[in-house]
Amino acid sequence: MRTTPQRRCQKGTSRSCDKTRRRQKEGEPIVSIAFWRESRNGFFWSKWHFDDLRAGWNWKTNGKKPLTVTVYSSCQEAELFLNGKSLGRKPTDRSTEFKAVWPVPYAPGTLEAAGYDAGQKVANTALRTAGNPRHIRLTADRGQLHAAGEDLSYVTVELVDAQGVVNPNADKLVHFEIKGPGTIVGVGNANPVSLESCQTPARKCWHGRCLVIVKAGGQPGQIVLRATADGLHASQLTLDVGP
């Protein structure tokens, strides 16, 4: 399998097309790793003309063959760092299609991209090598719901290591339980080849993440969502439902 890591560094806000990815802070670049998948008959599994993307710095390699890291940026220049060491600064403008490319021998640690305008650093982001998953982290896009029987809260589920870094290789099955004036109306993980049900209260993670959607009922109160997975510390989240 050929791997072609790519990093995106963009000035300004951006929103992922699927809610399983965490929300980006304003001015924070976007980091993704692209890689190739080849089927047994030699054909690639997708005919789309863009790479599969992966947000993580965990790769199985002997480090001898460098990975191709691409920084996408709307800044004038981008600089790449591996474990604190600069790999050089390159232009990222219209003439370069707003990207810069480096060959990078893989090494665990931190891969960081920084964006520069007029020589000043204006944005940066980093990928960190994750350890074995230890905890389940739940993050709701809304903590306050209305008791109208229609309000939804999209809860991102992440499998993180002891330092809180998402493990992109973690694919454990996560089970959900809910108490209070609410119901689970959907689950997902953005895996394009998954055949799992989108309505059962359980979902396998993909790239270390999955999603559960909670709908408020018609009565005020508190919704308690609990998530469990084999070998991991359970987690729970409380949503307030008001009139």
Protein backbone atom coordinates (compact mmCIF):
# COMPACT_ATOMS: atom_id res chain seq x y z
CA MET A 1 0.00 0.00 0.00
CA ARG A 2 1.41 3.37 -0.97
CA THR A 3 0.95 6.10 1.57
CA THR A 4 0.83 9.76 0.63
CA PRO A 5 0.33 11.86 3.76
CA GLN A 6 -1.05 15.32 3.15
CA ARG A 7 -1.45 18.18 5.58
CA ARG A 8 -3.84 21.05 5.05
CA CYS A 9 -2.97 24.44 6.51
CA GLN A 10 -5.65 26.99 5.76
CA LYS A 11 -6.04 30.49 7.06
CA GLY A 12 -9.53 31.11 8.40
CA THR A 13 -12.31 28.78 9.38
CA SER A 14 -13.31 25.57 7.70
CA ARG A 15 -15.98 22.98 8.35
CA SER A 16 -15.71 19.28 7.61
CA CYS A 17 -18.41 17.66 5.48
CA ASP A 18 -19.01 15.06 8.19
CA LYS A 19 -19.65 15.76 11.86
CA THR A 20 -17.37 13.02 13.14
CA ARG A 21 -14.44 15.36 12.88
CA ARG A 22 -13.92 17.88 15.62
CA ARG A 23 -14.85 21.50 15.01
CA GLN A 24 -11.97 23.72 13.88
CA LYS A 25 -11.19 26.86 15.85
CA GLU A 26 -11.14 30.14 13.98
CA GLY A 27 -7.78 30.62 12.26
CA GLU A 28 -6.71 27.02 12.90
CA PRO A 29 -5.31 25.10 9.91
CA ILE A 30 -6.77 21.74 8.92
CA VAL A 31 -4.61 18.63 9.11
CA SER A 32 -5.26 15.51 7.04
CA ILE A 33 -3.27 12.51 5.90
CA ALA A 34 -3.99 11.08 2.46
CA PHE A 35 -3.25 7.49 1.54
CA TRP A 36 -3.81 5.00 -1.28
CA ARG A 37 -5.77 1.78 -1.03
CA GLU A 38 -5.35 -0.89 -3.67
CA SER A 39 -7.65 -3.86 -4.11
CA ARG A 40 -6.57 -7.45 -4.72
CA ASN A 41 -7.07 -7.17 -8.48
CA GLY A 42 -4.79 -4.15 -8.67
CA PHE A 43 -7.48 -1.51 -9.04
CA PHE A 44 -7.99 1.26 -6.55
CA TRP A 45 -11.13 0.95 -4.46
CA SER A 46 -12.32 4.45 -5.41
CA LYS A 47 -12.49 6.18 -8.78
CA TRP A 48 -12.78 9.62 -7.23
CA HIS A 49 -10.02 11.98 -8.31
CA PHE A 50 -8.90 12.96 -4.86
CA ASP A 51 -7.07 11.12 -2.12
CA ASP A 52 -8.53 9.36 0.88
CA LEU A 53 -7.80 11.50 3.94
CA ARG A 54 -6.77 10.59 7.42
CA ALA A 55 -6.21 12.89 10.36
CA GLY A 56 -3.48 11.14 12.33
CA TRP A 57 0.26 10.58 12.64
CA ASN A 58 0.31 6.82 13.30
CA TRP A 59 1.82 4.83 10.44
CA LYS A 60 3.29 1.34 10.15
CA THR A 61 6.57 1.83 8.32
CA ASN A 62 10.24 1.06 8.80
CA GLY A 63 11.11 4.69 8.23
CA LYS A 64 13.40 3.96 5.28
CA LYS A 65 11.01 5.08 2.54
CA PRO A 66 9.89 8.68 3.08
CA LEU A 67 6.24 9.62 3.07
CA THR A 68 5.07 12.49 0.90
CA VAL A 69 3.63 15.20 3.12
CA THR A 70 1.66 17.98 1.44
CA VAL A 71 0.70 21.18 3.21
CA TYR A 72 -2.39 22.93 1.82
CA SER A 73 -2.49 26.58 2.81
CA SER A 74 -4.06 29.90 1.85
CA CYS A 75 -1.14 31.61 3.59
CA GLN A 76 1.74 32.99 1.53
CA GLU A 77 4.19 30.42 2.93
CA ALA A 78 4.13 27.20 4.93
CA GLU A 79 6.75 25.57 7.11
CA LEU A 80 6.82 21.95 8.21
CA PHE A 81 8.32 20.66 11.46
CA LEU A 82 8.96 17.10 12.62
CA ASN A 83 9.56 16.78 16.34
CA GLY A 84 10.57 20.43 16.56
CA LYS A 85 13.01 20.34 13.64
CA SER A 86 12.19 22.53 10.67
CA LEU A 87 12.01 20.76 7.32
CA GLY A 88 11.97 24.06 5.46
CA ARG A 89 9.63 26.84 4.46
CA LYS A 90 8.01 26.91 1.02
CA PRO A 91 5.59 29.17 -0.87
CA THR A 92 1.92 28.25 -0.92
CA ASP A 93 0.29 30.58 -3.41
CA ARG A 94 -1.62 30.35 -6.67
CA SER A 95 1.52 29.36 -8.58
CA THR A 96 1.93 26.27 -6.36
CA GLU A 97 -1.83 25.55 -6.25
CA PHE A 98 -1.74 26.65 -2.60
CA LYS A 99 0.29 23.64 -1.51
CA ALA A 100 3.84 22.59 -0.69
CA VAL A 101 5.32 19.09 -0.68
CA TRP A 102 8.03 17.49 1.47
CA PRO A 103 9.46 13.95 1.57
CA VAL A 104 9.38 13.00 5.26
CA PRO A 105 10.84 9.80 6.78
CA TYR A 106 8.25 8.69 9.30
CA ALA A 107 9.12 9.08 12.96
CA PRO A 108 6.65 8.97 15.88
CA GLY A 109 6.07 12.26 17.62
CA THR A 110 4.69 15.57 16.40
CA LEU A 111 4.26 16.76 12.82
CA GLU A 112 3.45 20.46 12.72
CA ALA A 113 2.59 22.89 9.94
CA ALA A 114 2.75 26.68 10.27
CA GLY A 115 1.38 29.32 7.90
CA TYR A 116 3.03 32.72 7.30
CA ASP A 117 1.80 36.00 5.82
CA ALA A 118 4.28 38.83 5.24
CA GLY A 119 6.85 36.79 7.15
CA GLN A 120 4.70 36.58 10.27
CA LYS A 121 3.35 33.32 11.66
CA VAL A 122 -0.44 33.51 11.55
CA ALA A 123 -1.65 29.90 11.91
CA ASN A 124 -0.40 26.48 12.92
CA THR A 125 -1.61 22.98 13.66
CA ALA A 126 -0.09 19.65 14.63
CA LEU A 127 -0.58 15.91 14.39
CA ARG A 128 0.66 13.79 17.27
CA THR A 129 1.35 10.08 17.44
CA ALA A 130 -1.28 8.47 19.65
CA GLY A 131 -0.80 5.65 22.13
CA ASN A 132 -3.23 2.82 22.76
CA PRO A 133 -6.78 4.05 23.35
CA ARG A 134 -7.73 4.33 27.01
CA HIS A 135 -10.83 6.51 27.21
CA ILE A 136 -13.99 7.45 25.32
CA ARG A 137 -14.44 11.19 24.85
CA LEU A 138 -17.92 12.57 24.19
CA THR A 139 -18.40 16.08 22.76
CA ALA A 140 -21.84 17.50 21.98
CA ASP A 141 -22.35 20.30 19.47
CA ARG A 142 -25.27 21.48 21.65
CA GLY A 143 -25.68 21.04 25.39
CA GLN A 144 -28.99 22.89 25.65
CA LEU A 145 -32.07 21.50 23.88
CA HIS A 146 -35.73 22.52 23.76
CA ALA A 147 -38.50 20.15 24.81
CA ALA A 148 -40.25 20.35 21.46
CA GLY A 149 -39.63 16.80 20.26
CA GLU A 150 -37.47 18.07 17.40
CA ASP A 151 -34.15 19.40 18.76
CA LEU A 152 -31.06 17.34 17.95
CA SER A 153 -27.61 17.14 19.51
CA TYR A 154 -24.77 15.64 17.45
CA VAL A 155 -22.35 13.95 19.84
CA THR A 156 -18.84 13.18 18.57
CA VAL A 157 -17.32 10.01 20.04
CA GLU A 158 -13.52 9.76 20.12
CA LEU A 159 -11.21 6.98 21.33
CA VAL A 160 -8.25 8.74 22.96
CA ASP A 161 -5.02 7.72 24.64
CA ALA A 162 -3.91 8.69 28.15
CA GLN A 163 -2.91 12.17 26.91
CA GLY A 164 -6.22 12.78 25.12
CA VAL A 165 -4.91 12.21 21.59
CA VAL A 166 -7.31 10.47 19.22
CA ASN A 167 -5.98 7.12 18.00
CA PRO A 168 -6.69 7.04 14.23
CA ASN A 169 -6.35 3.24 14.10
CA ALA A 170 -8.90 2.54 16.84
CA ASP A 171 -12.02 0.81 15.51
CA LYS A 172 -13.71 -0.54 18.63
CA LEU A 173 -17.47 -1.04 18.78
CA VAL A 174 -19.05 1.58 21.06
CA HIS A 175 -22.39 0.87 22.78
CA PHE A 176 -24.75 3.66 23.83
CA GLU A 177 -27.35 3.90 26.58
CA ILE A 178 -29.64 6.84 27.20
CA LYS A 179 -31.75 7.97 30.16
CA GLY A 180 -34.12 10.89 30.49
CA PRO A 181 -36.40 12.74 28.05
CA GLY A 182 -34.59 11.84 24.85
CA THR A 183 -33.88 9.11 22.31
CA ILE A 184 -31.04 8.00 20.07
CA VAL A 185 -32.17 8.61 16.50
CA GLY A 186 -29.00 7.81 14.57
CA VAL A 187 -25.38 6.69 14.63
CA GLY A 188 -22.61 6.91 12.04
CA ASN A 189 -18.87 6.84 11.45
CA ALA A 190 -18.34 8.27 7.91
CA ASN A 191 -16.90 4.95 6.68
CA PRO A 192 -18.06 4.77 3.03
CA VAL A 193 -17.97 0.95 2.95
CA SER A 194 -19.68 0.32 6.31
CA LEU A 195 -22.82 -1.82 6.20
CA GLU A 196 -23.75 -1.23 9.85
CA SER A 197 -27.22 -0.06 10.82
CA CYS A 198 -27.56 3.68 11.37
CA GLN A 199 -30.32 3.22 13.95
CA THR A 200 -29.05 0.64 16.43
CA PRO A 201 -27.52 2.04 19.68
CA ALA A 202 -23.99 0.90 18.79
CA ARG A 203 -21.37 1.80 16.18
CA LYS A 204 -17.79 0.87 15.32
CA CYS A 205 -15.36 3.75 15.25
CA TRP A 206 -13.55 4.65 12.04
CA HIS A 207 -10.28 6.56 12.25
CA GLY A 208 -10.87 6.67 15.99
CA ARG A 209 -14.25 8.40 15.79
CA CYS A 210 -17.97 7.85 15.41
CA LEU A 211 -21.15 9.86 15.93
CA VAL A 212 -24.40 9.48 17.86
CA ILE A 213 -27.42 11.75 17.38
CA VAL A 214 -29.72 12.43 20.33
CA LYS A 215 -33.22 13.94 20.00
CA ALA A 216 -34.99 15.70 22.85
CA GLY A 217 -38.49 14.62 23.76
CA GLY A 218 -41.45 16.75 24.76
CA GLN A 219 -40.67 17.04 28.48
CA PRO A 220 -38.00 19.17 30.23
CA GLY A 221 -35.26 17.43 32.18
CA GLN A 222 -31.79 16.00 31.72
CA ILE A 223 -30.65 13.46 29.14
CA VAL A 224 -27.75 11.25 30.21
CA LEU A 225 -25.87 9.53 27.39
CA ARG A 226 -23.47 6.73 28.37
CA ALA A 227 -20.88 5.17 26.04
CA THR A 228 -18.99 1.91 26.67
CA ALA A 229 -16.47 -0.19 24.75
CA ASP A 230 -14.46 -3.30 25.63
CA GLY A 231 -11.20 -2.45 27.39
CA LEU A 232 -11.88 1.29 27.69
CA HIS A 233 -13.08 3.55 30.47
CA ALA A 234 -16.78 4.35 30.01
CA SER A 235 -17.92 7.93 29.52
CA GLN A 236 -21.17 9.81 29.95
CA LEU A 237 -22.54 13.17 28.89
CA THR A 238 -25.46 15.23 30.20
CA LEU A 239 -27.71 17.32 27.97
CA ASP A 240 -30.17 19.82 29.43
CA VAL A 241 -33.68 19.93 27.99
CA GLY A 242 -35.60 23.11 28.73
CA PRO A 243 -39.11 24.32 27.92
